[in-house]
Protein backbone atom coordinates (compact mmCIF):
# COMPACT_ATOMS: atom_id res chain seq x y z
CA MET A 1 16.89 15.62 -4.60
CA ARG A 2 15.29 13.93 -7.57
CA ILE A 3 12.40 11.74 -6.66
CA CYS A 4 10.29 9.53 -8.97
CA ILE A 5 6.80 8.43 -7.96
CA TYR A 6 6.07 5.18 -9.83
CA GLY A 7 2.34 4.87 -10.09
CA ALA A 8 0.65 8.17 -9.76
CA GLY A 9 -2.72 7.06 -8.68
CA ALA A 10 -4.33 8.39 -5.44
CA VAL A 11 -1.47 7.66 -3.02
CA GLY A 12 1.19 8.43 -5.59
CA SER A 13 -0.19 11.75 -6.62
CA PHE A 14 -0.67 12.79 -2.99
CA LEU A 15 3.09 12.04 -2.39
CA ALA A 16 4.00 13.71 -5.67
CA ALA A 17 2.08 16.89 -4.91
CA ARG A 18 3.42 17.29 -1.30
CA LEU A 19 7.05 16.61 -2.38
CA ALA A 20 6.87 19.00 -5.43
CA HIS A 21 5.19 21.71 -3.17
CA ALA A 22 8.15 21.27 -0.72
CA GLY A 23 10.59 22.01 -3.48
CA PHE A 24 11.70 18.72 -4.59
CA ASP A 25 12.46 17.70 -8.34
CA VAL A 26 9.60 15.23 -8.76
CA ALA A 27 8.91 12.96 -11.64
CA ALA A 28 5.71 10.71 -11.81
CA ILE A 29 5.05 7.50 -13.88
CA ALA A 30 1.36 7.56 -14.86
CA ARG A 31 -0.79 6.32 -17.72
CA GLY A 32 -4.02 7.14 -19.47
CA ALA A 33 -6.19 10.02 -18.38
CA GLN A 34 -4.22 10.61 -15.30
CA LEU A 35 -1.02 11.08 -17.18
CA ALA A 36 -2.64 13.45 -19.59
CA ALA A 37 -3.95 15.57 -16.65
CA LEU A 38 -0.56 15.62 -14.93
CA GLN A 39 1.14 16.69 -18.18
CA SER A 40 -1.34 19.50 -18.96
CA ASP A 41 -2.45 20.74 -15.48
CA GLY A 42 -0.29 19.24 -12.89
CA ILE A 43 -1.64 17.76 -9.60
CA THR A 44 -4.43 19.41 -7.54
CA LEU A 45 -4.43 18.01 -3.97
CA GLU A 46 -7.62 18.91 -1.95
CA GLU A 47 -6.99 18.73 1.75
CA ALA A 48 -8.86 19.89 4.84
CA ASP A 49 -6.67 22.89 5.36
CA GLY A 50 -6.39 24.02 1.76
CA THR A 51 -5.51 22.97 -1.74
CA ILE A 52 -2.17 22.40 -3.30
CA ASN A 53 -1.42 22.84 -6.99
CA ALA A 54 1.84 21.24 -7.98
CA ARG A 55 3.59 20.78 -11.35
CA VAL A 56 5.65 17.61 -11.84
CA LYS A 57 7.37 15.94 -14.74
CA ALA A 58 5.14 13.14 -16.05
CA SER A 59 5.56 10.28 -18.41
CA SER A 60 4.57 6.60 -18.98
CA ASP A 61 8.14 5.79 -19.78
CA PRO A 62 10.79 5.67 -16.88
CA ALA A 63 13.55 6.02 -19.32
CA ASP A 64 12.56 9.69 -19.88
CA PHE A 65 13.93 10.59 -16.40
CA GLY A 66 17.17 8.74 -15.74
CA PRO A 67 18.61 7.69 -12.33
CA GLN A 68 16.92 9.16 -9.27
CA ASP A 69 17.97 9.77 -5.76
CA ALA A 70 14.78 7.97 -4.65
CA VAL A 71 12.01 6.11 -6.31
CA ILE A 72 8.77 5.51 -4.46
CA PHE A 73 6.70 2.68 -5.90
CA THR A 74 3.05 3.26 -5.22
CA THR A 75 1.85 0.86 -7.90
CA LYS A 76 -0.38 -2.06 -6.75
CA ALA A 77 1.66 -4.95 -5.44
CA HIS A 78 0.49 -7.25 -8.24
CA SER A 79 1.99 -4.72 -10.82
CA LEU A 80 5.62 -4.80 -9.55
CA ALA A 81 6.75 -7.85 -11.49
CA GLY A 82 5.66 -6.27 -14.68
CA ILE A 83 7.60 -3.05 -14.06
CA ALA A 84 10.76 -4.47 -12.62
CA ASP A 85 12.73 -4.28 -15.97
CA ALA A 86 11.52 -0.91 -17.07
CA ALA A 87 12.22 0.59 -13.57
CA GLN A 88 15.87 -0.16 -13.81
CA SER A 89 16.55 3.06 -15.88
CA LEU A 90 15.60 5.06 -12.62
CA ILE A 91 17.81 3.15 -10.28
CA GLY A 92 21.38 4.05 -9.46
CA PRO A 93 23.79 2.47 -6.94
CA GLU A 94 22.59 4.81 -4.13
CA THR A 95 19.04 5.19 -5.22
CA ALA A 96 16.55 4.74 -2.23
CA LEU A 97 13.88 2.22 -3.25
CA VAL A 98 10.79 2.65 -1.36
CA PHE A 99 7.68 0.22 -1.62
CA ALA A 100 4.42 1.66 -0.37
CA GLN A 101 1.91 -1.08 -0.93
CA ASN A 102 -0.91 -2.39 1.16
CA GLY A 103 -0.73 -5.93 2.68
CA ILE A 104 2.12 -8.28 3.13
CA PRO A 105 5.03 -6.99 1.02
CA TRP A 106 7.19 -8.90 -1.43
CA TRP A 107 10.29 -8.49 0.64
CA TYR A 108 8.75 -10.06 3.81
CA GLY A 109 10.94 -13.16 3.57
CA HIS A 110 14.23 -11.39 3.42
CA ALA A 111 16.43 -11.71 6.71
CA PHE A 112 13.41 -13.19 8.64
CA ASP A 113 12.04 -16.68 9.43
CA ALA A 114 8.33 -16.88 9.09
CA PRO A 115 6.84 -20.07 10.75
CA GLY A 116 5.86 -22.67 8.09
CA LEU A 117 7.03 -20.45 5.21
CA ALA A 118 10.13 -20.89 3.08
CA PRO A 119 12.63 -18.00 3.17
CA GLY A 120 12.83 -15.88 -0.04
CA PRO A 121 10.03 -14.78 -2.39
CA LEU A 122 6.44 -15.36 -1.31
CA ALA A 123 4.72 -17.83 -3.71
CA ARG A 124 1.45 -15.98 -3.49
CA LEU A 125 2.90 -12.62 -4.63
CA ASP A 126 6.05 -13.34 -6.55
CA PRO A 127 5.85 -17.11 -7.87
CA ASP A 128 8.68 -16.81 -10.24
CA GLY A 129 10.86 -14.37 -8.18
CA ALA A 130 10.69 -11.62 -10.69
CA ILE A 131 10.17 -8.92 -8.11
CA TRP A 132 12.65 -10.40 -5.74
CA ASN A 133 15.39 -10.67 -8.49
CA GLY A 134 14.49 -7.42 -10.25
CA PHE A 135 14.64 -5.14 -7.20
CA ARG A 136 16.64 -7.22 -4.64
CA PRO A 137 15.20 -7.36 -1.04
CA GLU A 138 18.36 -5.95 0.51
CA ARG A 139 17.71 -2.68 -1.25
CA ALA A 140 14.05 -2.38 -0.34
CA ILE A 141 12.60 0.20 2.08
CA GLY A 142 9.19 -0.86 3.28
CA ALA A 143 6.63 1.95 3.73
CA VAL A 144 3.22 1.52 5.49
CA ILE A 145 0.55 3.90 4.27
CA TYR A 146 -1.50 6.02 6.72
CA SER A 147 -3.17 8.42 4.47
CA PRO A 148 -6.61 8.15 2.90
CA ASN A 149 -6.63 9.43 -0.64
CA THR A 150 -9.13 9.28 -3.47
CA VAL A 151 -9.00 10.30 -7.18
CA VAL A 152 -11.79 12.66 -7.71
CA ARG A 153 -11.02 13.05 -11.31
CA PRO A 154 -7.85 12.82 -13.40
CA GLY A 155 -5.33 15.02 -11.81
CA VAL A 156 -7.36 15.95 -8.80
CA ILE A 157 -6.73 14.13 -5.51
CA ARG A 158 -8.65 14.43 -2.31
CA ASN A 159 -7.25 13.60 1.11
CA LYS A 160 -9.75 13.01 3.92
CA ALA A 161 -7.14 12.60 6.64
CA THR A 162 -8.20 13.53 10.19
CA ARG A 163 -4.57 13.38 11.35
CA PRO A 164 -1.29 14.16 9.61
CA ALA A 165 -0.18 11.78 6.97
CA GLU A 166 2.34 9.18 8.12
CA TYR A 167 4.53 6.77 6.20
CA PRO A 168 6.58 4.72 8.61
CA LEU A 169 9.72 3.33 6.83
CA GLY A 170 11.99 0.39 7.45
CA GLN A 171 14.54 -1.87 5.88
CA PRO A 172 13.76 -5.75 6.03
CA ASP A 173 16.92 -6.37 8.00
CA GLY A 174 16.20 -3.56 10.51
CA GLY A 175 18.98 -1.23 9.41
CA ALA A 176 18.77 2.45 8.47
CA ASP A 177 21.20 3.19 5.65
CA ALA A 178 21.82 6.60 4.01
CA PRO A 179 19.22 6.21 1.32
CA THR A 180 16.61 5.40 3.88
CA LYS A 181 17.55 8.36 6.02
CA SER A 182 17.55 10.65 2.99
CA ILE A 183 13.97 9.76 1.88
CA ALA A 184 12.74 9.98 5.40
CA LYS A 185 14.21 13.45 5.69
CA ALA A 186 12.47 14.40 2.28
CA LEU A 187 9.12 13.16 3.40
CA GLU A 188 9.32 15.02 6.69
CA ALA A 189 10.10 18.22 4.69
CA ALA A 190 6.92 17.63 2.84
CA ASN A 191 5.02 17.49 6.12
CA ILE A 192 4.70 13.70 6.08
CA LYS A 193 5.69 11.87 9.20
CA ALA A 194 8.30 9.18 8.22
CA PRO A 195 9.67 7.46 11.20
CA ILE A 196 12.37 4.89 10.58
CA LEU A 197 11.44 1.70 12.42
CA GLU A 198 13.72 -1.15 13.38
CA ASP A 199 10.93 -3.61 12.97
CA ILE A 200 8.79 -2.63 9.96
CA ARG A 201 7.12 -5.91 9.91
CA ARG A 202 5.33 -5.06 13.01
CA GLU A 203 3.91 -2.05 11.39
CA VAL A 204 2.88 -4.02 8.36
CA TRP A 205 0.84 -6.26 10.55
CA THR A 206 -0.68 -3.46 12.50
CA LYS A 207 -2.01 -1.85 9.23
CA LEU A 208 -2.97 -5.28 7.87
CA ILE A 209 -5.35 -5.76 10.89
CA ILE A 210 -7.10 -2.63 9.79
CA ASN A 211 -7.28 -3.66 6.10
CA ILE A 212 -8.28 -7.33 6.87
CA TYR A 213 -11.72 -6.06 7.70
CA GLY A 214 -11.86 -2.79 5.77
CA ALA A 215 -10.83 -4.21 2.40
CA PRO A 216 -13.35 -7.10 2.17
CA VAL A 217 -16.21 -5.47 4.14
CA CYS A 218 -16.22 -2.40 1.94
CA THR A 219 -15.83 -4.33 -1.18
CA LEU A 220 -18.72 -6.73 -0.47
CA THR A 221 -21.10 -3.90 0.91
CA GLY A 222 -20.05 -1.28 -1.63
CA ALA A 223 -19.98 1.14 1.25
CA SER A 224 -17.41 3.24 2.98
CA VAL A 225 -15.72 2.00 6.17
CA LYS A 226 -18.14 4.03 8.21
CA GLY A 227 -21.09 2.99 6.05
CA SER A 228 -20.33 -0.56 6.11
CA LEU A 229 -20.07 -0.68 9.84
CA GLN A 230 -23.42 0.98 10.16
CA GLN A 231 -25.06 -2.16 8.47
CA ALA A 232 -26.62 -4.52 11.07
CA GLY A 233 -24.13 -7.17 12.17
CA MET A 234 -21.18 -5.90 10.12
CA ASP A 235 -19.38 -4.59 13.30
CA HIS A 236 -19.36 -8.21 14.61
CA VAL A 237 -18.05 -9.64 11.40
CA ALA A 238 -15.30 -6.81 11.25
CA GLY A 239 -14.32 -7.59 14.91
CA ALA A 240 -14.24 -11.31 14.40
CA VAL A 241 -11.95 -11.14 11.31
CA MET A 242 -9.68 -8.57 13.04
CA ALA A 243 -9.31 -10.89 15.98
CA GLU A 244 -8.34 -13.59 13.59
CA GLY A 245 -5.73 -11.36 12.07
CA VAL A 246 -4.37 -10.47 15.55
CA ALA A 247 -4.09 -14.29 16.19
CA VAL A 248 -2.22 -14.83 12.91
CA ALA A 249 0.15 -11.92 13.64
CA LYS A 250 0.92 -13.38 17.07
CA ALA A 251 1.66 -16.84 15.66
CA HIS A 252 4.23 -15.20 13.42
CA GLY A 253 5.91 -13.30 16.32
CA PHE A 254 4.00 -10.07 16.55
CA ASP A 255 1.88 -9.70 19.60
CA LEU A 256 -0.04 -6.61 18.71
CA ASP A 257 -1.98 -4.36 21.04
CA VAL A 258 -5.04 -3.45 18.93
CA ASN A 259 -8.23 -1.92 20.36
CA ILE A 260 -10.77 -3.77 18.17
CA ALA A 261 -13.65 -1.91 19.47
CA ASN A 262 -12.30 1.39 18.29
CA TYR A 263 -12.05 -0.01 14.81
CA THR A 264 -15.49 -1.41 14.71
CA ASP A 265 -17.37 1.50 16.08
CA PRO A 266 -18.71 3.40 12.91
CA GLU A 267 -18.69 6.73 14.69
CA LYS A 268 -14.95 6.41 14.98
CA ARG A 269 -14.27 5.36 11.52
CA PRO A 270 -13.83 7.47 8.29
CA ASP A 271 -16.47 7.86 5.66
CA HIS A 272 -13.72 6.76 3.21
CA LYS A 273 -13.89 3.94 0.79
CA SER A 274 -11.14 1.28 1.08
CA SER A 275 -8.66 1.29 -1.84
CA MET A 276 -9.94 -2.18 -2.82
CA LEU A 277 -13.43 -0.93 -3.20
CA GLN A 278 -12.00 2.19 -5.20
CA ASP A 279 -10.29 -0.29 -7.44
CA PHE A 280 -13.43 -2.40 -8.04
CA GLU A 281 -15.49 0.59 -8.96
CA ALA A 282 -12.93 1.94 -11.28
CA GLY A 283 -12.40 -1.34 -13.01
CA ARG A 284 -8.84 -1.73 -11.76
CA GLN A 285 -7.29 -5.18 -10.71
CA MET A 286 -7.83 -5.61 -7.03
CA GLU A 287 -5.16 -6.24 -4.31
CA VAL A 288 -7.01 -9.26 -3.03
CA ASP A 289 -3.88 -11.51 -2.40
CA PRO A 290 -1.49 -9.07 -0.68
CA ILE A 291 -4.08 -7.92 1.74
CA ILE A 292 -6.26 -10.99 2.53
CA GLY A 293 -4.94 -13.91 0.51
CA CYS A 294 -1.47 -13.67 2.06
CA ALA A 295 -2.96 -13.25 5.55
CA HIS A 296 -4.90 -16.52 4.89
CA ASP A 297 -1.67 -18.19 3.73
CA PHE A 298 0.15 -17.14 6.85
CA ALA A 299 -2.75 -18.51 9.00
CA ARG A 300 -2.49 -21.90 7.25
CA ALA A 301 1.18 -21.97 7.66
CA ALA A 302 1.04 -21.37 11.32
CA GLY A 303 -2.00 -23.63 11.94
CA VAL A 304 -4.32 -20.72 13.06
CA PRO A 305 -8.00 -21.24 12.37
CA THR A 306 -9.74 -18.31 10.67
CA PRO A 307 -13.36 -19.24 10.04
CA VAL A 308 -14.47 -15.77 9.14
CA LEU A 309 -11.60 -15.03 6.78
CA ASP A 310 -12.26 -18.57 5.31
CA VAL A 311 -15.60 -17.07 4.13
CA LEU A 312 -14.68 -13.56 3.27
CA LEU A 313 -11.73 -14.46 1.16
CA PRO A 314 -13.56 -16.64 -1.46
CA LEU A 315 -16.33 -14.15 -1.63
CA VAL A 316 -13.97 -11.28 -2.44
CA ARG A 317 -12.19 -13.44 -4.87
CA ALA A 318 -15.43 -14.40 -6.53
CA LYS A 319 -16.46 -10.85 -6.94
CA ALA A 320 -13.08 -9.79 -8.31
CA ARG A 321 -13.04 -12.72 -10.86
CA THR A 322 -16.61 -12.17 -11.95
CA ALA A 323 -15.65 -8.46 -12.73
CA GLY A 324 -12.51 -9.64 -14.46
CA LEU A 325 -10.40 -7.84 -11.84
CA TYR A 326 -8.45 -10.67 -10.28
CA GLY A 327 -5.21 -12.31 -11.54
CA ASP A 328 -5.60 -15.79 -10.66
CA THR A 329 -2.96 -17.27 -8.37
CA ALA A 330 -5.20 -19.52 -6.39
């Protein structure tokens, strides 16, 4: 099975290493120092139970690889519009197109009515429909990421998981076609849990409730999830914004059973920096809008008050803009 990982950063390189180690024909799209490291030395994946060294084909040009059986897009959500045209060389009529991004996904409005929001592309993420029209939502397979990874240095990834990696999959319309089943089977063969869900949006919201506090709180404090929650009063901030997220999800049809106390207890949280903080520290554009900007939009659309998110969002946007790491859509 030919699998391309489009965006071999922390998450993408983790997947590439696991899949290559399991015997799959893996290609990776990367750039800069990461690309050079993958081409010369392959990927080193450091995990609690050992280290994997995997060789993959690597290039910055998708045209080098031709049509694939599956493409897993692990680029940041704001990068998808810019790669839609180039990615077409990887896509055949039966290629599985998996989108593993944080936050509200671009395909959310397909085959689903969201209160107060027009069907089709989300204006916050895809204002001109470039992603929607380039990839087509009926072909999308959503993936929710449960796997904490960090780039230690180019070509070297560290996974700090305390439980097996899990990437729940699902099609926007609730189906499970042959491409979806094939990539789920491949991920399972690479020791990655990949259940196919009938309602992937519920899992999107469940993960978003975690990110809605972890992303802004870590970014504003400069600390890990555990470290930020150890600061006086931050557990109350985190709990309050999580409760707001749960209320927004409920207004959009998803009544989530979330134990907020478990997520705001620093002794139960990982000493891991959120991906948004990692991006800030590395000087990469930050996923502000998919994670918290869209949640705020959904709250306004459903008439749900979010006083804490109303404060956190402009603070994070201001920090990103000041650093030149925010593409203005607001």
